[in-house]
Structures are given as C-alpha cells and as structure tokens.
Amino acid sequence: MKSVWRKHLIICLVLGLLAIPIYFLDRALLGGRGGGNWITLDFRGLIFWAYITLVAVHVTLSSIAIPLFPKAGALRIHLGSMVLAVILLVTGVAVYGKVRRLAMSNEYRALMESRRPLMNVIELKEWSYLPDESHPTEIRVSVVVHQSGRFAGNVTGEQTDSSGSSTTIFESNNGPESQRQVRSGEAFTYAFPLKFLTAGRADDVRVTLYLFKASSGPAAGDIAKVFMKSPQRDDDGEYFYGVLPPPSQAGAEPSAPPADE
C-alpha cells in the first residue's frame, strides 16, 4: 500500500513540475500579437490554466481511487483517472457554456420586457423641411413625450447610390444649449439646424430623439428612439425604432398636437 502511495506522489510531482514548461509554452504560443490596424488579442494563460484544472481534477480522482482500488496499481489508476478527468473537464466546460448562454438569454429577455412599456414614450407626429425640401436649412419636428426629462435629438440625411453605398448629405448641428426640459404629456416643435457635408439631395433621413432622466449626462432609464424609413426591428436593447412619416408640405412648419390636459 505504501509503495502505491509513493508512486502516486511521484506521478503527482511530475505532473506538477510539467506545469513549468507548459507555462512558458503557453506564453510563447498564445502571447498577444498584432500591430498596425489589427486588434491585439492576448490569450495567455488559456493552456496553462486548463492544464492546472485538469491536473487538479486528476489528482483528486486518483487520490480517491487509490484506497478504493489498492490492487489496481498506481499507473492504471492514474491512466483511468486522467481519462475521467478529461471527460469531466470537457463536460463541465460544455455545461457551463450552456448555462451561461441560458442566463444571458433570460437576462436579455427580461431587459426587453422591461423596455416594452417605454416603446411609445417619444412620439414623432410630423416633420418638415424649412424653407423647402430642395434647399433646406432646417428640419422641424412635432413631438409628444409621455414622460418628463431632458429632451434632445439629431438628424442625418443620406443619399444611396445604385451600388447601395451611402453618402451623408447633411446632419444637424444642435448644441447642448438646444436641449430642453419637458413635462409628461407635453407637445412641442423642435428645430434642427442643418449643416451640409456634401452637395446633393438626401433620400434617407433619420431622426433620433432622446429623453434623458438626469439634468446633465447619461443615466439609467434614458430613452433613445430612431425614426427611419424602414426600421427592421422595434427595439435592439439600446435604441427604439419607429417609422419616419413622409415630410409634411414643404415650407410648412409642423403643427404641435395639443398637450394633454
């Protein structure tokens, strides 16, 4: 029995000493590489810690097996426990990955459910170019908000060619001073002065409206909604999306709907 334990300890010592060359092999093979415009990825430690975990499981299993099967011999016990340790490690990693993905899925589902009541907190009723669509200097939007907060927004206009590539024609240049505090149920008109980046006519306009909870800076519960021609989804977890209606008559300022009493 003592000789079995002696061989067991020698094998465990050898496995432990093997961690030293494996450590340097890990750093050589998985060290961070890259340069220029490539993202540097550093996976150092992956091989080393996988080996350490495997050895820890193996030593535990073999130490339990020796008093249970004293006549099997240290070498056979270590071979069997090594195979079992690999199976347990692979199974554990697979189970952890599945549980982790399930937890992330449930967390995302809960997030989306909590955001659902906020879908229509910001409503864009209508919008128009000023003075006209051919030579606009400003876009005005008629908005209703159903929560109080600090309101802001931006506008971009793009032109898409036959190949599908887009060019930004104009964007709004609103500064922080244009933000305004609004009350729940308030209806108002908001102006976006335009800055032209390229000559041309935009065929795809996007209006992004924000409702911030804090008087300055971002905070939990902020709402952002993008109004565009053909949104592919209603909510991506960060932005809500809505259909941008056609512009109202050129040169006509959108009329703000009556505020809730």
Protein backbone atom coordinates (compact mmCIF):
# COMPACT_ATOMS: atom_id res chain seq x y z
CA MET A 1 0.00 0.00 0.00
CA LYS A 2 2.85 2.34 0.86
CA SER A 3 4.54 1.69 -2.49
CA VAL A 4 1.32 2.61 -4.30
CA TRP A 5 1.13 5.91 -2.45
CA ARG A 6 4.84 6.53 -3.14
CA LYS A 7 4.32 6.03 -6.88
CA HIS A 8 1.19 8.19 -6.70
CA LEU A 9 3.12 11.05 -5.10
CA ILE A 10 5.93 10.74 -7.66
CA ILE A 11 3.45 10.90 -10.55
CA CYS A 12 1.69 13.89 -8.98
CA LEU A 13 5.06 15.62 -8.52
CA VAL A 14 5.96 15.02 -12.18
CA LEU A 15 2.60 16.39 -13.31
CA GLY A 16 3.15 19.43 -11.12
CA LEU A 17 6.63 20.06 -12.49
CA LEU A 18 5.26 19.82 -16.04
CA ALA A 19 3.31 22.99 -15.29
CA ILE A 20 6.56 24.99 -15.58
CA PRO A 21 7.35 24.22 -19.26
CA ILE A 22 3.63 24.38 -20.08
CA TYR A 23 3.54 27.91 -18.60
CA PHE A 24 6.30 29.11 -20.92
CA LEU A 25 4.81 27.21 -23.86
CA ASP A 26 1.51 28.96 -23.18
CA ARG A 27 3.15 32.40 -23.22
CA ALA A 28 5.04 31.59 -26.41
CA LEU A 29 2.04 30.24 -28.33
CA LEU A 30 -0.75 32.48 -27.03
CA GLY A 31 1.02 35.76 -26.33
CA GLY A 32 -0.60 38.98 -27.55
CA ARG A 33 0.21 39.64 -31.18
CA GLY A 34 -0.83 42.19 -33.71
CA GLY A 35 0.05 45.63 -34.84
CA GLY A 36 -0.96 48.40 -37.16
CA ASN A 37 -4.71 48.33 -37.60
CA TRP A 38 -5.13 44.79 -36.20
CA ILE A 39 -6.65 44.28 -32.77
CA THR A 40 -4.15 42.74 -30.37
CA LEU A 41 -5.51 39.61 -28.74
CA ASP A 42 -3.82 38.08 -25.70
CA PHE A 43 -4.95 34.59 -24.73
CA ARG A 44 -2.00 33.88 -22.46
CA GLY A 45 -2.99 31.57 -19.63
CA LEU A 46 -5.54 29.54 -21.56
CA ILE A 47 -3.36 26.42 -21.96
CA PHE A 48 -1.69 26.81 -18.56
CA TRP A 49 -4.88 27.14 -16.53
CA ALA A 50 -6.60 24.41 -18.49
CA TYR A 51 -3.69 22.12 -17.61
CA ILE A 52 -3.75 23.17 -13.94
CA THR A 53 -7.51 22.50 -13.75
CA LEU A 54 -7.08 19.12 -15.43
CA VAL A 55 -4.26 18.13 -13.05
CA ALA A 56 -6.27 19.25 -10.02
CA VAL A 57 -9.25 17.11 -11.06
CA HIS A 58 -6.95 14.21 -11.93
CA VAL A 59 -5.07 14.31 -8.60
CA THR A 60 -8.35 14.45 -6.70
CA LEU A 61 -9.82 11.48 -8.57
CA SER A 62 -6.65 9.37 -8.34
CA SER A 63 -6.25 10.11 -4.63
CA ILE A 64 -9.80 8.88 -4.04
CA ALA A 65 -9.30 5.82 -6.25
CA ILE A 66 -6.09 4.53 -4.59
CA PRO A 67 -7.66 3.48 -1.26
CA LEU A 68 -10.71 2.14 -3.14
CA PHE A 69 -8.70 0.05 -5.60
CA PRO A 70 -5.33 -0.62 -3.91
CA LYS A 71 -4.55 -3.66 -6.09
CA ALA A 72 -5.09 -1.86 -9.39
CA GLY A 73 -1.69 -0.22 -9.31
CA ALA A 74 -0.75 3.45 -9.34
CA LEU A 75 -0.15 3.63 -13.11
CA ARG A 76 -3.51 2.09 -14.03
CA ILE A 77 -5.31 4.31 -11.54
CA HIS A 78 -3.64 7.43 -12.96
CA LEU A 79 -4.41 6.45 -16.54
CA GLY A 80 -8.06 5.82 -15.70
CA SER A 81 -8.44 8.97 -13.63
CA MET A 82 -6.77 11.05 -16.36
CA VAL A 83 -9.32 9.84 -18.93
CA LEU A 84 -12.14 10.51 -16.47
CA ALA A 85 -10.71 13.96 -15.64
CA VAL A 86 -10.65 14.92 -19.33
CA ILE A 87 -14.26 13.77 -19.73
CA LEU A 88 -15.34 15.71 -16.64
CA LEU A 89 -13.45 18.84 -17.73
CA VAL A 90 -14.93 18.84 -21.24
CA THR A 91 -18.40 18.11 -19.88
CA GLY A 92 -18.05 20.86 -17.28
CA VAL A 93 -16.99 23.43 -19.86
CA ALA A 94 -19.89 22.45 -22.14
CA VAL A 95 -22.43 22.60 -19.30
CA TYR A 96 -21.05 25.95 -18.07
CA GLY A 97 -21.28 27.40 -21.58
CA LYS A 98 -24.87 26.22 -21.97
CA VAL A 99 -25.89 27.56 -18.55
CA ARG A 100 -24.13 30.85 -19.27
CA ARG A 101 -25.90 31.25 -22.63
CA LEU A 102 -29.24 30.42 -21.00
CA ALA A 103 -28.64 33.00 -18.25
CA MET A 104 -27.70 35.65 -20.82
CA SER A 105 -30.78 34.80 -22.88
CA ASN A 106 -33.05 35.12 -19.84
CA GLU A 107 -31.37 38.39 -18.86
CA TYR A 108 -31.85 39.81 -22.35
CA ARG A 109 -35.48 38.67 -22.43
CA ALA A 110 -36.13 40.34 -19.06
CA LEU A 111 -34.47 43.54 -20.32
CA MET A 112 -36.64 43.62 -23.41
CA GLU A 113 -39.78 43.03 -21.37
CA SER A 114 -38.88 45.88 -19.02
CA ARG A 115 -38.34 48.20 -22.00
CA ARG A 116 -41.62 47.35 -23.73
CA PRO A 117 -43.73 49.98 -21.85
CA LEU A 118 -41.24 52.66 -22.97
CA MET A 119 -41.71 51.97 -26.68
CA ASN A 120 -44.00 54.95 -27.33
CA VAL A 121 -42.79 57.40 -24.68
CA ILE A 122 -41.49 59.58 -27.55
CA GLU A 123 -43.85 60.15 -30.47
CA LEU A 124 -42.95 61.99 -33.66
CA LYS A 125 -46.18 63.26 -35.18
CA GLU A 126 -44.85 65.04 -38.27
CA TRP A 127 -41.81 66.83 -39.65
CA SER A 128 -40.91 69.23 -42.45
CA TYR A 129 -38.05 70.95 -44.27
CA LEU A 130 -37.58 74.70 -43.94
CA PRO A 131 -37.72 76.68 -46.12
CA ASP A 132 -38.28 73.82 -48.62
CA GLU A 133 -37.09 70.33 -49.47
CA SER A 134 -34.83 71.46 -52.32
CA HIS A 135 -32.71 73.87 -50.28
CA PRO A 136 -33.39 73.10 -46.60
CA THR A 137 -31.59 74.93 -43.83
CA GLU A 138 -33.61 73.39 -41.01
CA ILE A 139 -35.80 70.44 -40.15
CA ARG A 140 -38.60 70.85 -37.64
CA VAL A 141 -40.36 68.00 -35.88
CA SER A 142 -43.63 67.88 -33.97
CA VAL A 143 -43.15 65.72 -30.87
CA VAL A 144 -45.19 64.45 -27.94
CA VAL A 145 -43.44 62.98 -24.89
CA HIS A 146 -45.16 60.89 -22.22
CA GLN A 147 -42.51 61.21 -19.54
CA SER A 148 -40.69 64.21 -18.14
CA GLY A 149 -36.99 64.69 -18.71
CA ARG A 150 -34.34 66.46 -20.76
CA PHE A 151 -35.09 66.34 -24.47
CA ALA A 152 -32.52 66.36 -27.27
CA GLY A 153 -32.06 64.94 -30.75
CA ASN A 154 -30.16 64.84 -34.00
CA VAL A 155 -30.89 64.40 -37.70
CA THR A 156 -28.88 62.88 -40.55
CA GLY A 157 -29.68 62.77 -44.26
CA GLU A 158 -28.03 60.26 -46.60
CA GLN A 159 -28.04 59.59 -50.31
CA THR A 160 -27.78 55.98 -51.53
CA ASP A 161 -26.39 55.22 -54.97
CA SER A 162 -27.18 52.29 -57.27
CA SER A 163 -24.44 50.13 -55.67
CA GLY A 164 -26.02 50.51 -52.22
CA SER A 165 -23.30 52.69 -50.69
CA SER A 166 -24.44 55.73 -48.70
CA THR A 167 -23.09 59.26 -48.51
CA THR A 168 -24.03 61.64 -45.71
CA ILE A 169 -25.51 64.78 -47.24
CA PHE A 170 -26.36 66.74 -44.10
CA GLU A 171 -26.52 66.46 -40.34
CA SER A 172 -27.95 68.60 -37.57
CA ASN A 173 -25.62 70.82 -35.58
CA ASN A 174 -27.65 71.31 -32.41
CA GLY A 175 -25.55 72.23 -29.41
CA PRO A 176 -26.16 71.33 -25.75
CA GLU A 177 -27.91 74.67 -25.29
CA SER A 178 -30.74 73.49 -27.56
CA GLN A 179 -31.76 70.74 -25.12
CA ARG A 180 -34.90 71.45 -23.15
CA GLN A 181 -36.73 70.19 -20.10
CA VAL A 182 -40.13 68.73 -20.94
CA ARG A 183 -43.12 67.55 -18.91
CA SER A 184 -45.06 64.33 -19.29
CA GLY A 185 -47.71 64.77 -21.99
CA GLU A 186 -46.08 67.89 -23.43
CA ALA A 187 -46.40 68.53 -27.18
CA PHE A 188 -43.94 70.85 -28.88
CA THR A 189 -41.99 71.64 -32.04
CA TYR A 190 -38.23 71.12 -32.06
CA ALA A 191 -35.86 72.61 -34.65
CA PHE A 192 -32.75 71.03 -36.15
CA PRO A 193 -30.46 73.50 -37.97
CA LEU A 194 -28.68 71.62 -40.78
CA LYS A 195 -25.03 71.51 -41.77
CA PHE A 196 -24.38 70.24 -45.31
CA LEU A 197 -21.36 67.98 -45.75
CA THR A 198 -21.86 67.11 -49.43
CA ALA A 199 -23.87 68.64 -52.23
CA GLY A 200 -26.89 66.58 -53.13
CA ARG A 201 -30.38 65.60 -52.05
CA ALA A 202 -30.95 63.16 -49.21
CA ASP A 203 -33.23 60.23 -49.91
CA ASP A 204 -32.90 58.68 -46.45
CA VAL A 205 -33.50 60.87 -43.41
CA ARG A 206 -33.12 59.59 -39.84
CA VAL A 207 -34.36 61.48 -36.79
CA THR A 208 -33.02 60.34 -33.41
CA LEU A 209 -34.77 61.70 -30.33
CA TYR A 210 -33.56 61.38 -26.74
CA LEU A 211 -35.23 61.76 -23.38
CA PHE A 212 -32.68 61.90 -20.57
CA LYS A 213 -33.62 61.38 -16.94
CA ALA A 214 -30.82 63.44 -15.37
CA SER A 215 -30.40 67.18 -15.78
CA SER A 216 -26.95 66.54 -17.28
CA GLY A 217 -25.16 63.48 -18.59
CA PRO A 218 -26.49 59.96 -19.18
CA ALA A 219 -28.36 57.94 -16.53
CA ALA A 220 -30.24 54.69 -16.16
CA GLY A 221 -33.66 54.89 -17.80
CA ASP A 222 -32.64 57.22 -20.64
CA ILE A 223 -34.72 56.69 -23.79
CA ALA A 224 -33.46 56.96 -27.37
CA LYS A 225 -35.68 56.40 -30.40
CA VAL A 226 -34.67 56.42 -34.06
CA PHE A 227 -37.27 57.29 -36.69
CA MET A 228 -36.31 55.98 -40.11
CA LYS A 229 -37.81 54.94 -43.41
CA SER A 230 -37.87 51.16 -42.92
CA PRO A 231 -36.85 50.01 -39.43
CA GLN A 232 -36.02 46.31 -39.25
CA ARG A 233 -36.99 45.97 -35.58
CA ASP A 234 -38.76 47.86 -32.81
CA ASP A 235 -36.06 47.61 -30.14
CA ASP A 236 -32.46 46.39 -30.03
CA GLY A 237 -31.96 46.86 -26.30
CA GLU A 238 -30.35 50.29 -26.72
CA TYR A 239 -32.48 52.14 -29.25
CA PHE A 240 -36.18 52.02 -30.02
CA TYR A 241 -37.16 52.33 -33.68
CA GLY A 242 -40.17 53.88 -35.37
CA VAL A 243 -41.29 54.63 -38.91
CA LEU A 244 -40.49 58.14 -40.11
CA PRO A 245 -43.59 59.52 -41.89
CA PRO A 246 -43.23 61.44 -45.17
CA PRO A 247 -42.40 65.13 -44.65
CA SER A 248 -45.32 67.49 -44.44
CA GLN A 249 -45.81 70.16 -47.09
CA ALA A 250 -42.54 71.88 -47.91
CA GLY A 251 -42.12 75.17 -46.10
CA ALA A 252 -44.96 74.48 -43.69
CA GLU A 253 -43.99 74.31 -40.05
CA PRO A 254 -45.41 71.19 -38.39
CA SER A 255 -48.21 71.92 -36.03
CA ALA A 256 -47.73 70.65 -32.50
CA PRO A 257 -50.61 68.50 -31.27
CA PRO A 258 -52.48 69.77 -28.22
CA ALA A 259 -50.85 68.86 -24.93
CA ASP A 260 -52.67 66.58 -22.51
CA GLU A 261 -54.71 68.46 -20.02
